Amino acid sequence: MKHNVHKCTGNSGNETTMNWDDLRLFLAVARTGSISGGAKHLGVQHSTVSRRMRQLEEKLGARLFERKKGGYELTQAGENLEKAALRIECEVIGVDGALVGKDTTLTGPLRVTAINNMASSVLMPMFAQFSEKHPLVELRIVVSNNDASLSEREADVAIRLTNTPPDTLVGKRLVTVASTIYGEMSYLAKLKKEGGKPQWIGVECCGFHKAWTKQSCEDPVYQFVSDDTLLTLSAIREGLGISYLPCFMGDADPSLQRYCDPDPAHDLGLWLLLHPDLKRTARVLAFRDYMVTAITESKDLFEGNRVNSNA
């Protein structure tokens, strides 16, 4: 959908006309704290964002960003523009949402974002069954460990692990996801026989696992570091050490064994979230209802109640 131009006021007090794309790029840089982050966020070239930001500053006659050691920070003029841009964003979303919300047919694209380890394992059969049931819906799975902005319509539905979901979204907590420490069977057997401390695998896949590892590992010196849970799973299989995994992954692998019981302090909620403007869209509601039922039926798997025979 092509949006109209908008007017903002520069330092001179004169109204400056700009299009929504300018403001959308500006907000992406402001939110990510860098030109490269904004470019990646929107899927455009770094040079394009850099050039457009320079042009925007020239158009407004003011510096919008100051480059600091930790990234780009908004100037006072930038903060003022951000407030105006956020108001315009809400208006744009409202127009799009009003149109999309009237969609009552089970056809068209449906963009769903979910974290990699879940989307490629336990959720994939559910996605496949939904697609088989609704062949006219084009299901697009966006794998991301970061929160996709539903307000910017990067996705229609988000499946997220969190205990603090955004209060601006419509959502439902489906199940609790348990996690614990896993090791390869022969590795743990040798460790038990010979004694000594286990080797920890360093993880940078998410804030949760990184924090839990830091709390549990006495010696934070790692021979192997992973930034993806699927890679961590493979490293555990190879006997490189122990690490945290969600129980729906660890219990499903016959070569792995629990090092200890799950700690309720590590429980996370599995939420299905969508933008309020999409709560009347047929394909979104159909997907929501289907996933609520499918995930609830797999409650034991997510909550760590279904332990493999080797544990």
Protein backbone atom coordinates (compact mmCIF):
# COMPACT_ATOMS: atom_id res chain seq x y z
CA MET A 1 0.00 0.00 0.00
CA LYS A 2 1.35 3.44 -0.96
CA HIS A 3 1.01 6.01 1.81
CA ASN A 4 0.61 9.77 1.49
CA VAL A 5 3.35 12.23 2.31
CA HIS A 6 3.44 13.78 5.76
CA LYS A 7 4.54 17.15 7.07
CA CYS A 8 7.02 17.70 9.90
CA THR A 9 8.49 20.88 11.27
CA GLY A 10 12.26 21.50 11.05
CA ASN A 11 14.44 23.79 13.15
CA SER A 12 13.45 26.81 11.07
CA GLY A 13 9.81 26.31 11.99
CA ASN A 14 8.85 25.69 8.36
CA GLU A 15 6.87 22.62 7.44
CA THR A 16 8.89 20.04 5.55
CA THR A 17 7.17 17.44 3.39
CA MET A 18 8.49 13.89 3.52
CA ASN A 19 7.14 10.50 2.65
CA TRP A 20 6.48 7.60 5.02
CA ASP A 21 9.49 5.65 3.73
CA ASP A 22 11.81 8.38 5.07
CA LEU A 23 10.26 8.12 8.51
CA ARG A 24 10.20 4.33 8.41
CA LEU A 25 13.96 4.27 7.72
CA PHE A 26 14.56 6.85 10.43
CA LEU A 27 12.63 4.81 13.01
CA ALA A 28 14.53 1.65 12.07
CA VAL A 29 17.87 3.38 12.71
CA ALA A 30 16.57 4.92 15.95
CA ARG A 31 15.31 1.55 17.20
CA THR A 32 18.40 -0.47 16.32
CA GLY A 33 20.97 2.20 17.14
CA SER A 34 22.90 1.95 13.89
CA ILE A 35 22.67 2.40 10.12
CA SER A 36 23.58 -1.26 9.53
CA GLY A 37 21.05 -2.42 12.10
CA GLY A 38 18.31 -0.35 10.50
CA ALA A 39 19.24 -1.65 7.05
CA LYS A 40 19.17 -5.27 8.22
CA HIS A 41 15.92 -4.66 10.10
CA LEU A 42 14.18 -3.53 6.90
CA GLY A 43 16.08 -5.70 4.44
CA VAL A 44 17.62 -2.85 2.44
CA GLN A 45 21.16 -1.81 1.53
CA HIS A 46 23.34 -0.07 4.13
CA SER A 47 24.24 2.60 1.56
CA THR A 48 20.57 3.32 0.89
CA VAL A 49 19.79 3.97 4.55
CA SER A 50 22.93 6.06 5.01
CA ARG A 51 22.14 8.21 1.97
CA ARG A 52 18.48 8.66 2.94
CA MET A 53 19.41 9.70 6.49
CA ARG A 54 21.82 12.34 5.15
CA GLN A 55 19.13 13.62 2.81
CA LEU A 56 16.60 13.70 5.64
CA GLU A 57 18.94 15.73 7.84
CA GLU A 58 19.56 18.16 4.97
CA LYS A 59 15.84 18.46 4.34
CA LEU A 60 15.14 19.22 8.00
CA GLY A 61 18.26 21.35 8.45
CA ALA A 62 19.22 19.52 11.65
CA ARG A 63 21.41 16.67 12.88
CA LEU A 64 19.25 13.74 13.90
CA PHE A 65 21.93 11.37 15.20
CA GLU A 66 25.19 11.59 17.11
CA ARG A 67 27.63 8.74 16.60
CA LYS A 68 28.75 7.39 19.97
CA LYS A 69 30.97 4.47 20.96
CA GLY A 70 27.96 2.25 21.58
CA GLY A 71 26.12 3.27 18.39
CA TYR A 72 23.95 6.09 17.11
CA GLU A 73 22.10 8.27 19.64
CA LEU A 74 19.29 10.67 18.87
CA THR A 75 19.92 14.39 19.14
CA GLN A 76 17.19 16.63 20.54
CA ALA A 77 15.97 17.20 16.98
CA GLY A 78 16.02 13.43 16.47
CA GLU A 79 13.96 12.85 19.59
CA ASN A 80 11.41 15.40 18.41
CA LEU A 81 11.19 13.75 15.01
CA GLU A 82 10.88 10.32 16.62
CA LYS A 83 7.79 11.45 18.55
CA ALA A 84 6.19 12.76 15.37
CA ALA A 85 7.18 9.67 13.38
CA LEU A 86 5.71 7.34 16.00
CA ARG A 87 2.38 9.18 15.81
CA ILE A 88 2.41 8.88 12.02
CA GLU A 89 3.33 5.20 12.29
CA CYS A 90 0.26 4.58 14.43
CA GLU A 91 -1.92 6.31 11.83
CA VAL A 92 -0.42 4.28 8.99
CA ILE A 93 -0.85 1.04 10.92
CA GLY A 94 -4.42 1.99 11.70
CA VAL A 95 -5.24 2.46 8.02
CA ASP A 96 -3.56 -0.81 7.02
CA GLY A 97 -5.11 -2.65 9.93
CA ALA A 98 -8.61 -1.40 9.16
CA LEU A 99 -8.29 -2.72 5.62
CA VAL A 100 -6.63 -6.00 6.52
CA GLY A 101 -8.99 -6.59 9.43
CA LYS A 102 -11.92 -6.83 7.01
CA ASP A 103 -10.41 -9.88 5.36
CA THR A 104 -12.79 -12.77 6.04
CA THR A 105 -11.43 -15.30 3.54
CA LEU A 106 -8.96 -18.09 4.21
CA THR A 107 -6.66 -17.06 1.37
CA GLY A 108 -3.52 -14.98 0.97
CA PRO A 109 -0.17 -14.67 2.76
CA LEU A 110 0.22 -15.32 6.48
CA ARG A 111 3.55 -14.27 8.00
CA VAL A 112 4.52 -16.09 11.18
CA THR A 113 7.70 -15.48 13.13
CA ALA A 114 9.11 -18.08 15.52
CA ILE A 115 12.50 -18.90 16.99
CA ASN A 116 14.70 -21.21 14.96
CA ASN A 117 14.99 -24.21 17.28
CA MET A 118 11.23 -24.38 17.76
CA ALA A 119 10.18 -23.63 14.18
CA SER A 120 12.45 -26.31 12.71
CA SER A 121 11.50 -29.02 15.20
CA VAL A 122 8.37 -29.24 17.31
CA LEU A 123 6.35 -26.61 15.42
CA MET A 124 7.09 -27.81 11.89
CA PRO A 125 4.58 -30.70 11.90
CA MET A 126 1.95 -28.24 13.12
CA PHE A 127 2.79 -25.78 10.33
CA ALA A 128 2.60 -28.60 7.79
CA GLN A 129 -0.80 -29.78 9.02
CA PHE A 130 -2.20 -26.25 8.96
CA SER A 131 -0.98 -25.78 5.37
CA GLU A 132 -2.57 -29.08 4.37
CA LYS A 133 -5.84 -28.04 5.98
CA HIS A 134 -5.81 -24.55 4.40
CA PRO A 135 -4.09 -24.87 0.98
CA LEU A 136 -5.06 -21.35 -0.16
CA VAL A 137 -3.18 -19.71 2.72
CA GLU A 138 0.44 -18.93 1.83
CA LEU A 139 2.22 -19.66 5.10
CA ARG A 140 5.50 -17.73 5.35
CA ILE A 141 7.68 -18.68 8.31
CA VAL A 142 10.18 -16.01 9.38
CA VAL A 143 12.87 -17.49 11.62
CA SER A 144 14.11 -14.96 14.16
CA ASN A 145 15.38 -15.04 17.71
CA ASN A 146 14.62 -11.34 18.00
CA ASP A 147 11.23 -9.81 18.51
CA ALA A 148 9.80 -8.99 15.10
CA SER A 149 7.75 -5.81 15.20
CA LEU A 150 4.15 -6.75 14.64
CA SER A 151 3.32 -3.05 14.78
CA GLU A 152 5.37 -2.55 11.61
CA ARG A 153 3.66 -5.56 10.02
CA GLU A 154 6.90 -7.50 9.61
CA ALA A 155 4.82 -10.47 10.72
CA ASP A 156 1.14 -11.17 11.33
CA VAL A 157 1.67 -13.65 14.15
CA ALA A 158 4.59 -14.15 16.55
CA ILE A 159 5.27 -17.30 18.56
CA ARG A 160 7.59 -16.25 21.36
CA LEU A 161 9.21 -17.51 24.55
CA THR A 162 8.82 -14.81 27.19
CA ASN A 163 7.45 -14.10 30.63
CA THR A 164 6.86 -10.43 29.78
CA PRO A 165 4.97 -10.11 26.48
CA PRO A 166 4.34 -6.59 25.08
CA ASP A 167 1.10 -5.14 26.43
CA THR A 168 0.39 -3.52 23.04
CA LEU A 169 -0.29 -6.91 21.42
CA VAL A 170 -3.14 -9.37 21.67
CA GLY A 171 -1.85 -12.67 22.97
CA LYS A 172 -2.40 -15.90 24.78
CA ARG A 173 0.02 -17.89 26.93
CA LEU A 174 -0.30 -21.42 25.61
CA VAL A 175 2.02 -23.58 27.72
CA THR A 176 5.08 -23.42 29.96
CA VAL A 177 8.39 -24.38 28.34
CA ALA A 178 10.81 -26.12 30.69
CA SER A 179 14.58 -26.27 30.23
CA THR A 180 17.44 -28.09 31.87
CA ILE A 181 21.07 -29.15 31.36
CA TYR A 182 21.83 -31.97 28.91
CA GLY A 183 24.85 -34.04 28.01
CA GLU A 184 25.60 -36.88 25.61
CA MET A 185 24.97 -40.28 27.27
CA SER A 186 28.50 -41.72 27.08
CA TYR A 187 29.99 -38.35 28.09
CA LEU A 188 27.85 -38.25 31.23
CA ALA A 189 28.56 -41.90 31.99
CA LYS A 190 32.32 -41.28 31.78
CA LEU A 191 31.97 -38.16 33.90
CA LYS A 192 30.06 -40.10 36.54
CA LYS A 193 32.62 -42.92 36.54
CA GLU A 194 35.76 -40.79 36.62
CA GLY A 195 34.43 -37.84 38.59
CA GLY A 196 35.53 -34.27 38.00
CA LYS A 197 33.72 -31.25 36.69
CA PRO A 198 31.90 -31.21 33.37
CA GLN A 199 33.01 -29.02 30.47
CA TRP A 200 30.44 -26.33 29.72
CA ILE A 201 29.58 -25.24 26.22
CA GLY A 202 29.49 -21.44 25.96
CA VAL A 203 26.22 -20.14 24.56
CA GLU A 204 25.21 -16.83 23.04
CA CYS A 205 21.98 -17.94 21.42
CA CYS A 206 19.72 -15.96 23.73
CA GLY A 207 19.77 -13.98 26.94
CA PHE A 208 18.08 -16.76 28.88
CA HIS A 209 20.62 -19.53 28.18
CA LYS A 210 23.55 -17.13 28.48
CA ALA A 211 22.41 -15.96 31.93
CA TRP A 212 21.62 -19.47 33.18
CA THR A 213 25.01 -20.75 32.02
CA LYS A 214 26.78 -17.89 33.76
CA GLN A 215 24.95 -18.73 36.99
CA SER A 216 25.65 -22.48 36.81
CA CYS A 217 29.17 -22.60 35.37
CA GLU A 218 31.86 -22.15 38.03
CA ASP A 219 34.67 -21.66 35.50
CA PRO A 220 33.53 -19.47 32.57
CA VAL A 221 36.26 -20.69 30.23
CA TYR A 222 34.83 -22.44 27.19
CA GLN A 223 36.49 -24.60 24.56
CA PHE A 224 33.44 -24.26 22.33
CA VAL A 225 30.95 -21.41 22.01
CA SER A 226 27.65 -21.50 20.09
CA ASP A 227 25.28 -18.72 19.06
CA ASP A 228 22.46 -21.03 17.97
CA THR A 229 20.53 -23.65 19.97
CA LEU A 230 20.55 -26.17 17.11
CA LEU A 231 24.35 -25.83 16.96
CA THR A 232 24.50 -26.32 20.74
CA LEU A 233 22.46 -29.49 20.36
CA SER A 234 24.93 -30.83 17.79
CA ALA A 235 27.88 -29.93 20.04
CA ILE A 236 26.33 -31.83 22.95
CA ARG A 237 25.84 -34.86 20.70
CA GLU A 238 29.56 -34.77 19.87
CA GLY A 239 30.46 -34.92 23.55
CA LEU A 240 31.86 -31.39 23.72
CA GLY A 241 30.23 -30.79 27.09
CA ILE A 242 26.97 -29.91 28.75
CA SER A 243 24.57 -27.05 28.14
CA TYR A 244 21.03 -25.84 28.65
CA LEU A 245 18.38 -26.90 26.19
CA PRO A 246 14.60 -26.61 26.21
CA CYS A 247 13.16 -29.99 27.18
CA PHE A 248 11.23 -30.31 23.90
CA MET A 249 14.63 -30.55 22.18
CA GLY A 250 16.71 -32.43 24.74
CA ASP A 251 14.14 -35.07 25.61
CA ALA A 252 13.44 -35.77 21.94
CA ASP A 253 17.06 -36.76 21.21
CA PRO A 254 17.83 -40.38 22.22
CA SER A 255 21.58 -39.69 22.43
CA LEU A 256 21.15 -37.09 25.15
CA GLN A 257 20.44 -37.37 28.84
CA ARG A 258 19.44 -34.89 31.49
CA TYR A 259 22.28 -33.79 33.74
CA CYS A 260 19.76 -32.63 36.36
CA ASP A 261 16.03 -32.04 36.76
CA PRO A 262 14.47 -28.89 35.30
CA ASP A 263 14.48 -25.88 37.59
CA PRO A 264 11.09 -24.09 37.71
CA ALA A 265 13.03 -20.80 37.89
CA HIS A 266 13.93 -21.41 34.23
CA ASP A 267 10.35 -21.88 33.06
CA LEU A 268 9.25 -19.61 30.20
CA GLY A 269 5.83 -18.94 28.77
CA LEU A 270 5.11 -19.80 25.15
CA TRP A 271 2.95 -17.01 23.74
CA LEU A 272 1.09 -16.60 20.50
CA LEU A 273 0.90 -12.86 19.77
CA LEU A 274 -0.80 -10.78 17.09
CA HIS A 275 -1.56 -7.14 16.41
CA PRO A 276 -5.00 -5.96 17.65
CA ASP A 277 -5.92 -4.80 14.13
CA LEU A 278 -5.66 -8.36 12.85
CA LYS A 279 -7.95 -9.99 15.40
CA ARG A 280 -10.78 -10.15 12.84
CA THR A 281 -8.70 -11.45 9.91
CA ALA A 282 -9.92 -14.92 9.00
CA ARG A 283 -6.60 -16.60 8.19
CA VAL A 284 -4.95 -15.12 11.30
CA LEU A 285 -7.78 -16.36 13.52
CA ALA A 286 -7.75 -19.78 11.86
CA PHE A 287 -4.01 -20.10 12.43
CA ARG A 288 -4.33 -18.89 16.03
CA ASP A 289 -7.10 -21.35 16.86
CA TYR A 290 -5.27 -24.22 15.20
CA MET A 291 -1.96 -23.55 16.96
CA VAL A 292 -3.62 -23.08 20.35
CA THR A 293 -5.12 -26.55 20.07
CA ALA A 294 -2.02 -28.23 18.60
CA ILE A 295 0.43 -26.74 21.12
CA THR A 296 -1.87 -27.44 24.07
CA GLU A 297 -2.11 -31.07 22.98
CA SER A 298 1.72 -31.22 23.13
CA LYS A 299 1.81 -29.71 26.63
CA ASP A 300 3.79 -32.60 28.17
CA LEU A 301 6.53 -32.26 25.56
CA PHE A 302 6.95 -28.53 26.18
CA GLU A 303 6.76 -28.82 29.95
CA GLY A 304 9.32 -31.62 30.14
CA ASN A 305 6.93 -34.32 31.28
CA ARG A 306 7.78 -36.64 28.39
CA VAL A 307 11.28 -37.94 29.16
CA ASN A 308 13.13 -40.22 26.72
CA SER A 309 13.88 -43.75 27.83
CA ASN A 310 17.60 -43.03 28.28
CA ALA A 311 17.10 -40.45 31.02
